[in-house]
Amino acid sequence: MRIGHVIGRVTLNHGVDSYQGGRFFLVMPATKEQLRRDTLEPLPKGDSVIVYDDLGATIGDRIAFSEGGEASQAFKGDTPVDAYNCMILDNLHYMPPAKEIAV
């Protein structure tokens, strides 16, 4: 599972019945530094991910999403999906472990 920032919406001209009630978003995965600072700004340069959402996220939300085989587990039957929005995050508290100093 990864955390990301919803930065855009994807529009399709054909749909699969399994997708009814949801939509696709363009999501920028968060970096460790952004999580450490508790801000998603500035957006990192890199690859964005298309994520299916049926929870009601909007542009600007911070979400947690699963990818790969786990993403398709939310659907009945075979549904082609690479990433699925598992939760909309209200708050996030991230405290990385302190680095151990070798003596």
N, C-alpha and C. Protein backbone atom coordinates (compact mmCIF):
# COMPACT_ATOMS: atom_id res chain seq x y z
N MET A 1 0.85 -1.17 0.00
CA MET A 1 0.00 0.00 0.00
C MET A 1 0.90 1.23 0.00
N ARG A 2 0.50 2.22 -0.79
CA ARG A 2 1.25 3.48 -0.84
C ARG A 2 0.31 4.64 -0.58
N ILE A 3 0.90 5.77 -0.26
CA ILE A 3 0.15 7.00 -0.01
C ILE A 3 0.41 7.95 -1.16
N GLY A 4 -0.64 8.64 -1.59
CA GLY A 4 -0.49 9.56 -2.70
C GLY A 4 -1.45 10.73 -2.61
N HIS A 5 -1.29 11.66 -3.54
CA HIS A 5 -2.05 12.90 -3.60
C HIS A 5 -2.83 12.89 -4.92
N VAL A 6 -4.15 13.03 -4.85
CA VAL A 6 -4.99 13.05 -6.06
C VAL A 6 -4.75 14.38 -6.77
N ILE A 7 -4.22 14.31 -8.00
CA ILE A 7 -3.87 15.53 -8.73
C ILE A 7 -4.72 15.76 -9.98
N GLY A 8 -5.53 14.79 -10.38
CA GLY A 8 -6.34 14.97 -11.57
C GLY A 8 -7.35 13.86 -11.74
N ARG A 9 -8.20 14.03 -12.74
CA ARG A 9 -9.27 13.07 -13.02
C ARG A 9 -9.04 12.49 -14.41
N VAL A 10 -9.36 11.22 -14.58
CA VAL A 10 -9.22 10.53 -15.87
C VAL A 10 -10.63 10.25 -16.40
N THR A 11 -10.85 10.58 -17.66
CA THR A 11 -12.16 10.37 -18.28
C THR A 11 -12.04 9.29 -19.35
N LEU A 12 -12.96 8.34 -19.32
CA LEU A 12 -12.99 7.25 -20.30
C LEU A 12 -14.21 7.39 -21.18
N ASN A 13 -14.10 6.95 -22.44
CA ASN A 13 -15.28 7.00 -23.30
C ASN A 13 -16.01 5.67 -23.35
N HIS A 14 -15.40 4.60 -22.85
CA HIS A 14 -16.05 3.30 -22.72
C HIS A 14 -15.78 2.79 -21.33
N GLY A 15 -16.74 2.11 -20.76
CA GLY A 15 -16.56 1.61 -19.40
C GLY A 15 -16.84 0.13 -19.28
N VAL A 16 -16.38 -0.42 -18.20
CA VAL A 16 -16.64 -1.81 -17.84
C VAL A 16 -17.71 -1.77 -16.75
N ASP A 17 -18.66 -2.68 -16.79
CA ASP A 17 -19.75 -2.68 -15.82
C ASP A 17 -19.25 -2.66 -14.38
N SER A 18 -18.13 -3.30 -14.12
CA SER A 18 -17.57 -3.35 -12.76
C SER A 18 -17.17 -1.97 -12.24
N TYR A 19 -16.95 -1.02 -13.14
CA TYR A 19 -16.51 0.31 -12.74
C TYR A 19 -17.67 1.25 -12.38
N GLN A 20 -18.91 0.81 -12.52
CA GLN A 20 -20.04 1.69 -12.23
C GLN A 20 -20.01 2.12 -10.77
N GLY A 21 -20.26 3.39 -10.53
CA GLY A 21 -20.26 3.92 -9.17
C GLY A 21 -18.92 4.48 -8.74
N GLY A 22 -17.92 4.41 -9.60
CA GLY A 22 -16.60 4.92 -9.24
C GLY A 22 -16.02 5.77 -10.35
N ARG A 23 -14.78 6.17 -10.17
CA ARG A 23 -14.09 6.97 -11.18
C ARG A 23 -12.60 6.74 -11.06
N PHE A 24 -11.87 7.23 -12.04
CA PHE A 24 -10.43 7.08 -12.04
C PHE A 24 -9.77 8.44 -11.78
N PHE A 25 -8.72 8.41 -10.97
CA PHE A 25 -7.96 9.61 -10.66
C PHE A 25 -6.50 9.42 -11.02
N LEU A 26 -5.86 10.54 -11.30
CA LEU A 26 -4.42 10.58 -11.47
C LEU A 26 -3.83 10.90 -10.11
N VAL A 27 -2.95 10.03 -9.61
CA VAL A 27 -2.41 10.16 -8.25
C VAL A 27 -0.89 10.21 -8.31
N MET A 28 -0.31 11.16 -7.57
CA MET A 28 1.14 11.26 -7.45
C MET A 28 1.54 10.62 -6.13
N PRO A 29 2.29 9.51 -6.17
CA PRO A 29 2.72 8.87 -4.93
C PRO A 29 3.59 9.81 -4.09
N ALA A 30 3.43 9.75 -2.78
CA ALA A 30 4.20 10.60 -1.87
C ALA A 30 5.60 10.03 -1.67
N THR A 31 6.57 10.91 -1.48
CA THR A 31 7.93 10.51 -1.17
C THR A 31 8.10 10.39 0.34
N LYS A 32 9.16 9.73 0.77
CA LYS A 32 9.44 9.62 2.21
C LYS A 32 9.64 10.99 2.82
N GLU A 33 10.29 11.88 2.10
CA GLU A 33 10.52 13.24 2.61
C GLU A 33 9.21 13.98 2.81
N GLN A 34 8.27 13.84 1.90
CA GLN A 34 6.97 14.49 2.06
C GLN A 34 6.23 13.93 3.27
N LEU A 35 6.30 12.63 3.48
CA LEU A 35 5.65 12.03 4.64
C LEU A 35 6.30 12.52 5.93
N ARG A 36 7.61 12.65 5.92
CA ARG A 36 8.35 13.12 7.10
C ARG A 36 7.95 14.55 7.45
N ARG A 37 7.75 15.40 6.42
CA ARG A 37 7.39 16.80 6.65
C ARG A 37 5.89 16.99 6.81
N ASP A 38 5.10 15.93 6.55
CA ASP A 38 3.64 15.97 6.62
C ASP A 38 3.06 17.00 5.65
N THR A 39 3.62 17.06 4.47
CA THR A 39 3.08 17.90 3.42
C THR A 39 3.33 17.22 2.08
N LEU A 40 2.44 17.38 1.15
CA LEU A 40 2.63 16.80 -0.17
C LEU A 40 3.14 17.82 -1.17
N GLU A 41 3.45 19.00 -0.70
CA GLU A 41 4.01 20.03 -1.58
C GLU A 41 5.49 20.15 -1.33
N PRO A 42 6.32 20.41 -2.29
CA PRO A 42 5.97 20.41 -3.71
C PRO A 42 5.79 18.99 -4.22
N LEU A 43 5.03 18.86 -5.28
CA LEU A 43 4.84 17.54 -5.87
C LEU A 43 6.16 17.06 -6.46
N PRO A 44 6.49 15.79 -6.26
CA PRO A 44 7.76 15.30 -6.80
C PRO A 44 7.67 15.12 -8.31
N LYS A 45 8.82 15.14 -8.95
CA LYS A 45 8.86 14.78 -10.36
C LYS A 45 8.86 13.27 -10.41
N GLY A 46 8.16 12.73 -11.35
CA GLY A 46 8.14 11.28 -11.44
C GLY A 46 6.87 10.77 -12.06
N ASP A 47 6.67 9.50 -11.88
CA ASP A 47 5.54 8.84 -12.50
C ASP A 47 4.30 8.91 -11.62
N SER A 48 3.20 9.30 -12.23
CA SER A 48 1.92 9.28 -11.53
C SER A 48 1.25 7.94 -11.80
N VAL A 49 0.21 7.64 -11.06
CA VAL A 49 -0.49 6.37 -11.13
C VAL A 49 -1.98 6.65 -11.35
N ILE A 50 -2.64 5.83 -12.15
CA ILE A 50 -4.08 5.94 -12.32
C ILE A 50 -4.72 4.99 -11.32
N VAL A 51 -5.58 5.54 -10.46
CA VAL A 51 -6.17 4.79 -9.35
C VAL A 51 -7.69 4.82 -9.47
N TYR A 52 -8.32 3.64 -9.32
CA TYR A 52 -9.77 3.56 -9.32
C TYR A 52 -10.28 3.92 -7.92
N ASP A 53 -11.32 4.75 -7.86
CA ASP A 53 -11.87 5.20 -6.58
C ASP A 53 -13.38 5.02 -6.58
N ASP A 54 -13.90 4.37 -5.55
CA ASP A 54 -15.35 4.32 -5.36
C ASP A 54 -15.72 4.76 -3.94
N LEU A 55 -14.77 5.45 -3.29
CA LEU A 55 -14.99 5.94 -1.93
C LEU A 55 -15.42 7.41 -1.87
N GLY A 56 -15.26 8.13 -2.98
CA GLY A 56 -15.67 9.53 -3.02
C GLY A 56 -14.55 10.52 -2.82
N ALA A 57 -13.33 10.15 -3.15
CA ALA A 57 -12.21 11.08 -3.05
C ALA A 57 -12.38 12.21 -4.07
N THR A 58 -11.70 13.32 -3.84
CA THR A 58 -11.73 14.45 -4.76
C THR A 58 -10.30 14.91 -5.01
N ILE A 59 -10.14 15.75 -6.00
CA ILE A 59 -8.82 16.28 -6.31
C ILE A 59 -8.31 17.05 -5.09
N GLY A 60 -7.07 16.78 -4.71
CA GLY A 60 -6.46 17.41 -3.55
C GLY A 60 -6.42 16.50 -2.34
N ASP A 61 -7.19 15.40 -2.34
CA ASP A 61 -7.20 14.49 -1.20
C ASP A 61 -5.91 13.67 -1.14
N ARG A 62 -5.58 13.26 0.06
CA ARG A 62 -4.50 12.32 0.30
C ARG A 62 -5.15 10.95 0.50
N ILE A 63 -4.68 9.96 -0.25
CA ILE A 63 -5.29 8.64 -0.20
C ILE A 63 -4.22 7.56 0.03
N ALA A 64 -4.67 6.39 0.44
CA ALA A 64 -3.83 5.20 0.48
C ALA A 64 -4.37 4.26 -0.59
N PHE A 65 -3.48 3.73 -1.42
CA PHE A 65 -3.93 2.87 -2.50
C PHE A 65 -3.09 1.60 -2.58
N SER A 66 -3.75 0.54 -3.01
CA SER A 66 -3.07 -0.73 -3.23
C SER A 66 -2.86 -0.91 -4.73
N GLU A 67 -1.89 -1.73 -5.07
CA GLU A 67 -1.55 -1.94 -6.48
C GLU A 67 -1.46 -3.42 -6.79
N GLY A 68 -1.49 -3.75 -8.06
CA GLY A 68 -1.30 -5.11 -8.50
C GLY A 68 -2.48 -6.01 -8.19
N GLY A 69 -2.18 -7.26 -7.87
CA GLY A 69 -3.22 -8.25 -7.59
C GLY A 69 -4.13 -7.86 -6.45
N GLU A 70 -3.58 -7.18 -5.45
CA GLU A 70 -4.40 -6.75 -4.31
C GLU A 70 -5.46 -5.74 -4.73
N ALA A 71 -5.17 -4.92 -5.72
CA ALA A 71 -6.13 -3.92 -6.18
C ALA A 71 -7.36 -4.57 -6.79
N SER A 72 -7.19 -5.67 -7.47
CA SER A 72 -8.32 -6.32 -8.14
C SER A 72 -9.18 -7.12 -7.16
N GLN A 73 -8.74 -7.32 -5.93
CA GLN A 73 -9.51 -8.08 -4.95
C GLN A 73 -10.79 -7.36 -4.53
N ALA A 74 -10.87 -6.07 -4.77
CA ALA A 74 -12.06 -5.30 -4.39
C ALA A 74 -13.23 -5.54 -5.35
N PHE A 75 -12.98 -6.22 -6.45
CA PHE A 75 -14.01 -6.42 -7.47
C PHE A 75 -14.45 -7.88 -7.51
N LYS A 76 -15.70 -8.08 -7.92
CA LYS A 76 -16.18 -9.44 -8.17
C LYS A 76 -15.82 -9.80 -9.60
N GLY A 77 -15.29 -10.96 -9.80
CA GLY A 77 -14.91 -11.39 -11.14
C GLY A 77 -13.62 -10.74 -11.59
N ASP A 78 -13.30 -10.97 -12.86
CA ASP A 78 -12.08 -10.42 -13.43
C ASP A 78 -12.31 -8.99 -13.88
N THR A 79 -11.66 -8.05 -13.21
CA THR A 79 -11.76 -6.64 -13.57
C THR A 79 -10.36 -6.09 -13.74
N PRO A 80 -10.06 -5.51 -14.91
CA PRO A 80 -8.71 -4.99 -15.15
C PRO A 80 -8.47 -3.69 -14.38
N VAL A 81 -7.69 -3.76 -13.31
CA VAL A 81 -7.36 -2.57 -12.54
C VAL A 81 -5.96 -2.75 -11.96
N ASP A 82 -5.16 -1.70 -11.99
CA ASP A 82 -3.80 -1.76 -11.48
C ASP A 82 -3.66 -1.14 -10.10
N ALA A 83 -4.54 -0.19 -9.76
CA ALA A 83 -4.45 0.47 -8.45
C ALA A 83 -5.85 0.82 -7.97
N TYR A 84 -6.08 0.64 -6.66
CA TYR A 84 -7.40 0.83 -6.06
C TYR A 84 -7.27 1.69 -4.81
N ASN A 85 -8.11 2.71 -4.69
CA ASN A 85 -8.11 3.58 -3.51
C ASN A 85 -8.73 2.82 -2.34
N CYS A 86 -7.92 2.54 -1.33
CA CYS A 86 -8.39 1.79 -0.15
C CYS A 86 -8.94 2.70 0.93
N MET A 87 -8.43 3.93 1.02
CA MET A 87 -8.90 4.84 2.06
C MET A 87 -8.55 6.29 1.73
N ILE A 88 -9.38 7.19 2.22
CA ILE A 88 -9.12 8.62 2.15
C ILE A 88 -8.57 9.02 3.51
N LEU A 89 -7.40 9.62 3.53
CA LEU A 89 -6.72 9.92 4.79
C LEU A 89 -7.08 11.33 5.28
N ASP A 90 -7.49 11.42 6.53
CA ASP A 90 -7.73 12.72 7.15
C ASP A 90 -6.44 13.25 7.76
N ASN A 91 -5.74 12.40 8.50
CA ASN A 91 -4.48 12.77 9.15
C ASN A 91 -3.48 11.64 8.96
N LEU A 92 -2.22 12.01 9.04
CA LEU A 92 -1.16 11.04 8.92
C LEU A 92 -0.05 11.42 9.89
N HIS A 93 0.32 10.49 10.75
CA HIS A 93 1.43 10.73 11.69
C HIS A 93 2.53 9.76 11.32
N TYR A 94 3.64 10.27 10.85
CA TYR A 94 4.76 9.45 10.39
C TYR A 94 5.99 9.82 11.19
N MET A 95 6.55 8.85 11.91
CA MET A 95 7.77 9.09 12.66
C MET A 95 8.73 7.95 12.31
N PRO A 96 9.66 8.23 11.39
CA PRO A 96 10.59 7.17 11.00
C PRO A 96 11.50 6.79 12.17
N PRO A 97 11.94 5.53 12.20
CA PRO A 97 12.83 5.12 13.29
C PRO A 97 14.15 5.87 13.22
N ALA A 98 14.72 6.15 14.39
CA ALA A 98 16.00 6.83 14.44
C ALA A 98 17.08 5.90 13.89
N LYS A 99 18.05 6.47 13.20
CA LYS A 99 19.15 5.67 12.67
C LYS A 99 20.04 5.22 13.82
N GLU A 100 20.40 3.94 13.78
CA GLU A 100 21.28 3.43 14.82
C GLU A 100 22.73 3.80 14.47
N ILE A 101 23.48 4.18 15.47
CA ILE A 101 24.87 4.56 15.28
C ILE A 101 25.74 3.36 15.69
N ALA A 102 26.56 2.90 14.76
CA ALA A 102 27.44 1.76 15.06
C ALA A 102 28.60 2.25 15.92
N VAL A 103 28.92 1.48 16.95
CA VAL A 103 30.02 1.85 17.86
C VAL A 103 31.25 1.09 17.52
